[in-house]
Amino acid sequence: MNRRRVSLGAAVALTLPLAGCMTVHGERENIPSVQKAEAAAALAKFTAVNNRVGRTYDSKGVAAVESGALGTTDEAGLRAKHANHPQGNSGYRPLVFSDSRYLIPRQVGWPKYFVVDTATNRGSTARWLLVFRRAAAGQPWKASYVASVPTADVPKFAQDKDGYAVALGLAGTNLLVQPGQLSADYATYLGGSGGSDVFADGPSTSQLRGDRNAHAKTANSVTQYADQPAEGGDFTPVALRTADGGALVFFASHHQSRATFRAGYRLQIDADTKALMTGTPRTAVTLSRLADVAATVPPAGGSGKVVFLSRVVGLVTAKGE
């Protein structure tokens, strides 16, 4: 899924007025993270801004409605596109959402978040899951994660007695992997240091490790990999309880590759990578990418493993040597 995969944002009220002029404070009361009408307004703003920047390749404009993994990769992608196509994209097809469902949890303190489960005009076989977060009262809602999940694979989410989604913390849960540890464990797994008993086989796990091993050394190059967790701020994981007792967790991770080429080899670099590149690529190229992941995590104690439903990877920096 490329840069034009998604969009949206907006602001919501920071307190809820009740009878008797009382105010419920979001920093200490367990209240819904947002009202449905405000969530819908955030989605509408996100759509409008993304459709504008999709036409103009305005990399700065996207910051009004995106942050975290989504915002970082989109900003870099738009910056590269604008460098190569300063006139914008006259053929851009506006993004349209439909059948949007709002997964709103009760939460105490900040940040707060909610998730939109929605259909799009980018295909009829998948739904998008968008995570909106705001850091504090009075701050705008921004989309920090996005996942494109086959409709049949979208999990059923748990609800409390009032129909609200159930948010999980970063630690202290009954899950096989704590949400706050998932990014670090995935980075360790890709580095080959463990995790095979936790992550299910698939394109983003066992196949990715196999591909790396197969292409690490060729007749023309040697490639080294380094993986680090993405943690803190708008990269903090988000977890919602699923009806089967597990959770859907959104998280991000950093991935770097450094390819060193034999003397005399003629490097071929695509235009978008060139637009993000610093230095002169003579014998080595270092690429830094950011992964935006949605994965189901089962309860501990069973035979289930972490299953990746979506992994969107974007190039954020490039360096030539």
Protein backbone atom coordinates (compact mmCIF):
# COMPACT_ATOMS: atom_id res chain seq x y z
CA MET A 1 0.00 0.00 0.00
CA ASN A 2 1.67 3.24 -1.10
CA ARG A 3 1.56 6.82 0.09
CA ARG A 4 -2.03 7.40 -0.99
CA ARG A 5 -3.40 4.81 1.30
CA VAL A 6 -5.25 7.00 3.77
CA SER A 7 -6.03 10.41 5.40
CA LEU A 8 -7.87 12.50 8.11
CA GLY A 9 -7.86 14.58 11.42
CA ALA A 10 -9.63 17.15 13.70
CA ALA A 11 -10.14 18.43 17.22
CA VAL A 12 -12.63 17.45 19.88
CA ALA A 13 -13.98 18.86 23.10
CA LEU A 14 -11.70 18.49 26.10
CA THR A 15 -14.42 18.22 28.79
CA LEU A 16 -17.93 16.84 28.98
CA PRO A 17 -20.55 19.18 30.49
CA LEU A 18 -22.93 17.49 32.91
CA ALA A 19 -25.99 18.65 34.81
CA GLY A 20 -25.18 21.08 37.61
CA CYS A 21 -22.26 22.65 35.68
CA MET A 22 -19.89 19.89 36.74
CA THR A 23 -16.88 19.06 34.54
CA VAL A 24 -15.50 15.58 33.98
CA HIS A 25 -11.72 15.75 33.62
CA GLY A 26 -10.16 13.42 31.07
CA GLU A 27 -6.90 13.23 32.99
CA ARG A 28 -8.43 11.42 35.97
CA GLU A 29 -11.89 10.11 35.05
CA ASN A 30 -12.59 6.94 33.08
CA ILE A 31 -14.56 8.46 30.21
CA PRO A 32 -15.03 7.76 26.48
CA SER A 33 -12.00 9.06 24.62
CA VAL A 34 -14.21 10.97 22.17
CA GLN A 35 -17.84 11.46 21.23
CA LYS A 36 -18.92 9.77 17.99
CA ALA A 37 -19.78 13.06 16.26
CA GLU A 38 -16.35 14.43 17.07
CA ALA A 39 -14.69 11.27 15.82
CA ALA A 40 -16.61 11.59 12.55
CA ALA A 41 -15.48 15.21 12.26
CA ALA A 42 -11.87 14.13 12.75
CA LEU A 43 -12.23 11.58 9.97
CA ALA A 44 -13.79 14.19 7.68
CA LYS A 45 -10.93 16.65 8.26
CA PHE A 46 -8.38 13.91 7.74
CA THR A 47 -10.02 13.05 4.42
CA ALA A 48 -10.12 16.65 3.22
CA VAL A 49 -6.49 17.34 4.07
CA ASN A 50 -5.20 14.10 2.59
CA ASN A 51 -7.08 14.66 -0.64
CA ARG A 52 -5.56 18.13 -0.90
CA VAL A 53 -2.00 16.97 -0.27
CA GLY A 54 -2.53 14.03 -2.60
CA ARG A 55 -3.09 16.51 -5.41
CA THR A 56 -0.35 18.97 -4.44
CA TYR A 57 2.27 16.71 -2.78
CA ASP A 58 2.36 19.16 0.14
CA SER A 59 4.58 17.36 2.65
CA LYS A 60 4.16 20.03 5.33
CA GLY A 61 0.38 20.12 5.11
CA VAL A 62 -0.04 16.50 6.13
CA ALA A 63 1.28 17.27 9.64
CA ALA A 64 -2.05 18.92 10.47
CA VAL A 65 -3.82 15.54 10.55
CA GLU A 66 -1.11 12.87 10.88
CA SER A 67 1.60 11.94 13.35
CA GLY A 68 3.60 8.92 14.46
CA ALA A 69 4.36 6.15 11.97
CA LEU A 70 1.75 7.27 9.43
CA GLY A 71 2.77 10.92 9.55
CA THR A 72 6.49 10.21 9.31
CA THR A 73 6.26 7.94 6.28
CA ASP A 74 3.69 10.11 4.52
CA GLU A 75 5.76 13.27 5.02
CA ALA A 76 8.84 11.63 3.50
CA GLY A 77 6.87 10.14 0.62
CA LEU A 78 5.19 13.44 -0.22
CA ARG A 79 8.50 15.29 -0.01
CA ALA A 80 10.05 12.88 -2.53
CA LYS A 81 7.04 13.09 -4.86
CA HIS A 82 7.06 16.90 -4.76
CA ALA A 83 10.76 17.01 -5.58
CA ASN A 84 10.15 14.94 -8.71
CA HIS A 85 6.71 16.33 -9.57
CA PRO A 86 6.50 19.93 -8.28
CA GLN A 87 3.37 20.48 -10.39
CA GLY A 88 1.52 17.95 -8.22
CA ASN A 89 -0.65 15.04 -9.29
CA SER A 90 -3.42 16.12 -11.64
CA GLY A 91 -4.61 12.52 -11.93
CA TYR A 92 -5.15 12.02 -8.21
CA ARG A 93 -8.36 10.14 -7.37
CA PRO A 94 -9.95 11.49 -4.17
CA LEU A 95 -10.12 9.09 -1.26
CA VAL A 96 -13.64 8.29 -0.04
CA PHE A 97 -14.60 6.49 3.17
CA SER A 98 -17.88 4.65 3.72
CA ASP A 99 -19.50 2.35 6.28
CA SER A 100 -17.25 3.85 8.97
CA ARG A 101 -17.45 2.28 12.42
CA TYR A 102 -15.96 3.99 15.46
CA LEU A 103 -14.17 1.94 18.12
CA ILE A 104 -14.15 4.30 21.08
CA PRO A 105 -12.70 3.07 24.40
CA ARG A 106 -13.09 4.48 27.89
CA GLN A 107 -9.76 5.88 29.08
CA VAL A 108 -8.19 7.63 32.04
CA GLY A 109 -5.48 10.22 31.39
CA TRP A 110 -3.61 11.20 28.25
CA PRO A 111 -2.98 10.49 25.46
CA LYS A 112 -6.38 9.30 24.33
CA TYR A 113 -7.19 7.43 21.15
CA PHE A 114 -9.94 5.84 19.08
CA VAL A 115 -9.96 3.60 16.01
CA VAL A 116 -11.97 3.91 12.80
CA ASP A 117 -12.87 0.69 10.95
CA THR A 118 -13.90 1.81 7.47
CA ALA A 119 -14.39 0.83 3.85
CA THR A 120 -12.70 2.89 1.13
CA ASN A 121 -12.85 3.38 -2.61
CA ARG A 122 -9.35 1.88 -2.88
CA GLY A 123 -10.67 -1.68 -3.12
CA SER A 124 -13.67 -3.73 -2.04
CA THR A 125 -11.88 -6.64 -0.37
CA ALA A 126 -10.20 -4.82 2.50
CA ARG A 127 -11.06 -2.36 5.24
CA TRP A 128 -8.84 0.30 6.74
CA LEU A 129 -8.21 0.63 10.45
CA LEU A 130 -7.10 4.13 11.39
CA VAL A 131 -5.82 5.02 14.86
CA PHE A 132 -6.46 8.62 15.95
CA ARG A 133 -4.64 9.99 18.94
CA ARG A 134 -4.28 13.29 20.73
CA ALA A 135 -1.65 14.03 23.33
CA ALA A 136 -3.57 16.31 25.66
CA ALA A 137 -6.76 18.29 26.13
CA GLY A 138 -7.08 20.96 23.49
CA GLN A 139 -4.72 19.24 21.05
CA PRO A 140 -5.97 18.13 17.61
CA TRP A 141 -6.75 14.53 16.77
CA LYS A 142 -4.16 13.06 14.40
CA ALA A 143 -3.97 9.67 12.69
CA SER A 144 -0.83 7.85 13.82
CA TYR A 145 -1.36 4.31 12.48
CA VAL A 146 -3.12 2.81 9.46
CA ALA A 147 -3.74 -0.80 8.48
CA SER A 148 -5.34 -2.29 5.37
CA VAL A 149 -6.85 -5.61 6.44
CA PRO A 150 -8.81 -8.12 4.34
CA THR A 151 -12.43 -7.78 5.38
CA ALA A 152 -12.62 -11.42 6.48
CA ASP A 153 -9.59 -10.94 8.77
CA VAL A 154 -10.78 -7.86 10.66
CA PRO A 155 -11.16 -9.14 14.23
CA LYS A 156 -14.31 -8.84 16.28
CA PHE A 157 -13.67 -6.36 19.07
CA ALA A 158 -14.74 -6.74 22.67
CA GLN A 159 -17.17 -4.23 24.18
CA ASP A 160 -17.95 -3.18 27.71
CA LYS A 161 -21.48 -3.14 29.11
CA ASP A 162 -22.17 0.21 27.44
CA GLY A 163 -20.89 -0.78 24.03
CA TYR A 164 -17.48 0.92 24.23
CA ALA A 165 -14.29 -0.68 22.96
CA VAL A 166 -11.87 -1.99 25.58
CA ALA A 167 -8.42 -0.38 25.68
CA LEU A 168 -5.43 -2.30 27.05
CA GLY A 169 -2.32 -0.91 28.71
CA LEU A 170 1.26 -1.32 27.57
CA ALA A 171 2.02 -3.86 30.31
CA GLY A 172 0.32 -6.04 32.90
CA THR A 173 -2.07 -7.74 30.47
CA ASN A 174 -2.81 -11.44 29.97
CA LEU A 175 -1.35 -11.35 26.45
CA LEU A 176 1.42 -13.53 25.05
CA VAL A 177 3.47 -10.36 24.42
CA GLN A 178 2.83 -7.11 26.26
CA PRO A 179 1.83 -4.32 23.82
CA GLY A 180 4.68 -2.11 25.01
CA GLN A 181 7.22 -4.87 24.32
CA LEU A 182 6.02 -5.94 20.89
CA SER A 183 8.15 -3.52 18.83
CA ALA A 184 11.36 -4.46 20.65
CA ASP A 185 10.60 -8.19 20.37
CA TYR A 186 9.93 -7.85 16.64
CA ALA A 187 13.23 -6.02 16.11
CA THR A 188 15.03 -8.79 18.00
CA TYR A 189 13.23 -11.44 15.96
CA LEU A 190 14.23 -9.91 12.63
CA GLY A 191 17.81 -9.76 13.85
CA GLY A 192 17.71 -13.54 14.32
CA SER A 193 18.12 -13.47 18.09
CA GLY A 194 14.88 -15.19 19.02
CA GLY A 195 11.13 -14.84 18.90
CA SER A 196 10.31 -17.79 16.66
CA ASP A 197 8.12 -19.18 19.45
CA VAL A 198 6.10 -15.95 19.51
CA PHE A 199 5.64 -14.78 15.90
CA ALA A 200 3.64 -16.85 13.43
CA ASP A 201 5.22 -17.59 10.07
CA GLY A 202 4.29 -15.21 7.26
CA PRO A 203 5.47 -12.55 4.80
CA SER A 204 6.42 -10.06 7.55
CA THR A 205 8.17 -12.59 9.78
CA SER A 206 9.73 -15.85 8.61
CA GLN A 207 9.61 -14.95 4.91
CA LEU A 208 11.18 -11.55 5.52
CA ARG A 209 14.02 -13.11 7.51
CA GLY A 210 14.52 -15.68 4.77
CA ASP A 211 14.61 -13.02 2.04
CA ARG A 212 17.18 -11.03 3.96
CA ASN A 213 19.42 -14.04 4.38
CA ALA A 214 19.10 -14.91 0.70
CA HIS A 215 20.05 -11.42 -0.48
CA ALA A 216 22.56 -10.40 2.18
CA LYS A 217 25.45 -11.34 -0.10
CA THR A 218 25.38 -11.32 -3.90
CA ALA A 219 27.98 -11.09 -6.65
CA ASN A 220 27.70 -7.30 -6.57
CA SER A 221 26.88 -6.35 -2.98
CA VAL A 222 26.87 -7.13 0.71
CA THR A 223 23.92 -5.90 2.76
CA GLN A 224 23.79 -5.45 6.53
CA TYR A 225 20.57 -4.96 8.48
CA ALA A 226 19.75 -3.24 11.76
CA ASP A 227 16.33 -3.15 13.44
CA GLN A 228 15.21 -1.00 16.37
CA PRO A 229 11.92 -0.50 18.17
CA ALA A 230 9.93 2.71 17.65
CA GLU A 231 8.76 3.83 21.07
CA GLY A 232 7.40 6.83 22.91
CA GLY A 233 5.18 9.77 22.02
CA ASP A 234 3.06 9.22 18.93
CA PHE A 235 4.87 5.92 18.29
CA THR A 236 3.49 4.40 21.49
CA PRO A 237 1.58 1.18 20.71
CA VAL A 238 -2.21 1.11 20.83
CA ALA A 239 -4.09 -2.04 21.87
CA LEU A 240 -7.78 -2.96 21.80
CA ARG A 241 -9.21 -6.12 23.32
CA THR A 242 -10.69 -8.58 20.82
CA ALA A 243 -13.71 -10.79 21.47
CA ASP A 244 -11.55 -13.94 21.62
CA GLY A 245 -9.69 -12.66 24.69
CA GLY A 246 -6.63 -11.45 22.79
CA ALA A 247 -5.92 -8.02 21.34
CA LEU A 248 -5.23 -6.10 18.17
CA VAL A 249 -2.04 -4.09 18.66
CA PHE A 250 -0.79 -1.25 16.48
CA PHE A 251 2.94 -0.57 16.71
CA ALA A 252 5.89 0.72 14.69
CA SER A 253 9.51 -0.32 14.16
CA HIS A 254 12.66 1.11 12.53
CA HIS A 255 14.58 -0.86 9.89
CA GLN A 256 17.90 0.07 8.32
CA SER A 257 19.84 -1.59 5.52
CA ARG A 258 23.34 -0.73 4.33
CA ALA A 259 24.37 -2.12 0.95
CA THR A 260 28.05 -1.99 -0.03
CA PHE A 261 28.78 -2.55 -3.72
CA ARG A 262 31.83 -3.90 -5.50
CA ALA A 263 34.18 -1.41 -7.14
CA GLY A 264 33.00 -0.39 -10.59
CA TYR A 265 29.41 -1.48 -10.06
CA ARG A 266 26.92 0.98 -11.55
CA LEU A 267 24.29 1.82 -8.95
CA GLN A 268 20.70 2.22 -10.14
CA ILE A 269 18.60 4.30 -7.75
CA ASP A 270 14.95 5.20 -8.29
CA ALA A 271 13.83 8.83 -8.41
CA ASP A 272 12.00 8.90 -5.05
CA THR A 273 15.01 7.45 -3.23
CA LYS A 274 17.28 10.00 -4.90
CA ALA A 275 14.99 12.79 -3.71
CA LEU A 276 15.48 11.73 -0.07
CA MET A 277 19.19 11.02 -0.38
CA THR A 278 22.03 12.89 1.26
CA GLY A 279 25.64 12.31 0.25
CA THR A 280 26.84 10.81 -3.01
CA PRO A 281 26.16 7.12 -3.64
CA ARG A 282 29.45 5.73 -4.95
CA THR A 283 30.01 2.40 -3.21
CA ALA A 284 27.37 2.24 -0.43
CA VAL A 285 23.75 3.15 0.20
CA THR A 286 22.04 3.22 3.61
CA LEU A 287 18.23 3.17 3.66
CA SER A 288 16.13 3.85 6.76
CA ARG A 289 12.54 2.65 6.72
CA LEU A 290 9.66 2.79 9.18
CA ALA A 291 7.11 -0.01 9.51
CA ASP A 292 3.49 0.61 10.55
CA VAL A 293 2.10 -2.69 11.88
CA ALA A 294 -1.23 -4.12 13.05
CA ALA A 295 -1.03 -7.58 14.63
CA THR A 296 -3.29 -9.83 16.66
CA VAL A 297 -1.81 -11.05 19.94
CA PRO A 298 -3.38 -14.06 21.69
CA PRO A 299 -3.62 -14.63 25.44
CA ALA A 300 -0.62 -16.27 27.09
CA GLY A 301 -0.75 -19.92 27.98
CA GLY A 302 -2.22 -21.25 24.75
CA SER A 303 -0.82 -22.33 21.40
CA GLY A 304 -1.57 -19.07 19.56
CA LYS A 305 1.10 -16.75 18.15
CA VAL A 306 1.34 -13.12 17.08
CA VAL A 307 -0.17 -12.79 13.58
CA PHE A 308 0.54 -9.78 11.35
CA LEU A 309 -2.60 -8.47 9.65
CA SER A 310 -0.94 -5.46 8.03
CA ARG A 311 2.59 -4.11 7.67
CA VAL A 312 3.09 -0.87 5.74
CA VAL A 313 6.72 0.13 5.21
CA GLY A 314 7.90 3.56 4.06
CA LEU A 315 11.34 4.93 3.23
CA VAL A 316 12.15 7.94 5.43
CA THR A 317 15.86 8.66 4.78
CA ALA A 318 18.61 7.60 2.40
CA LYS A 319 22.37 8.19 2.50
CA GLY A 320 24.96 7.63 -0.19
CA GLU A 321 28.67 7.06 0.35
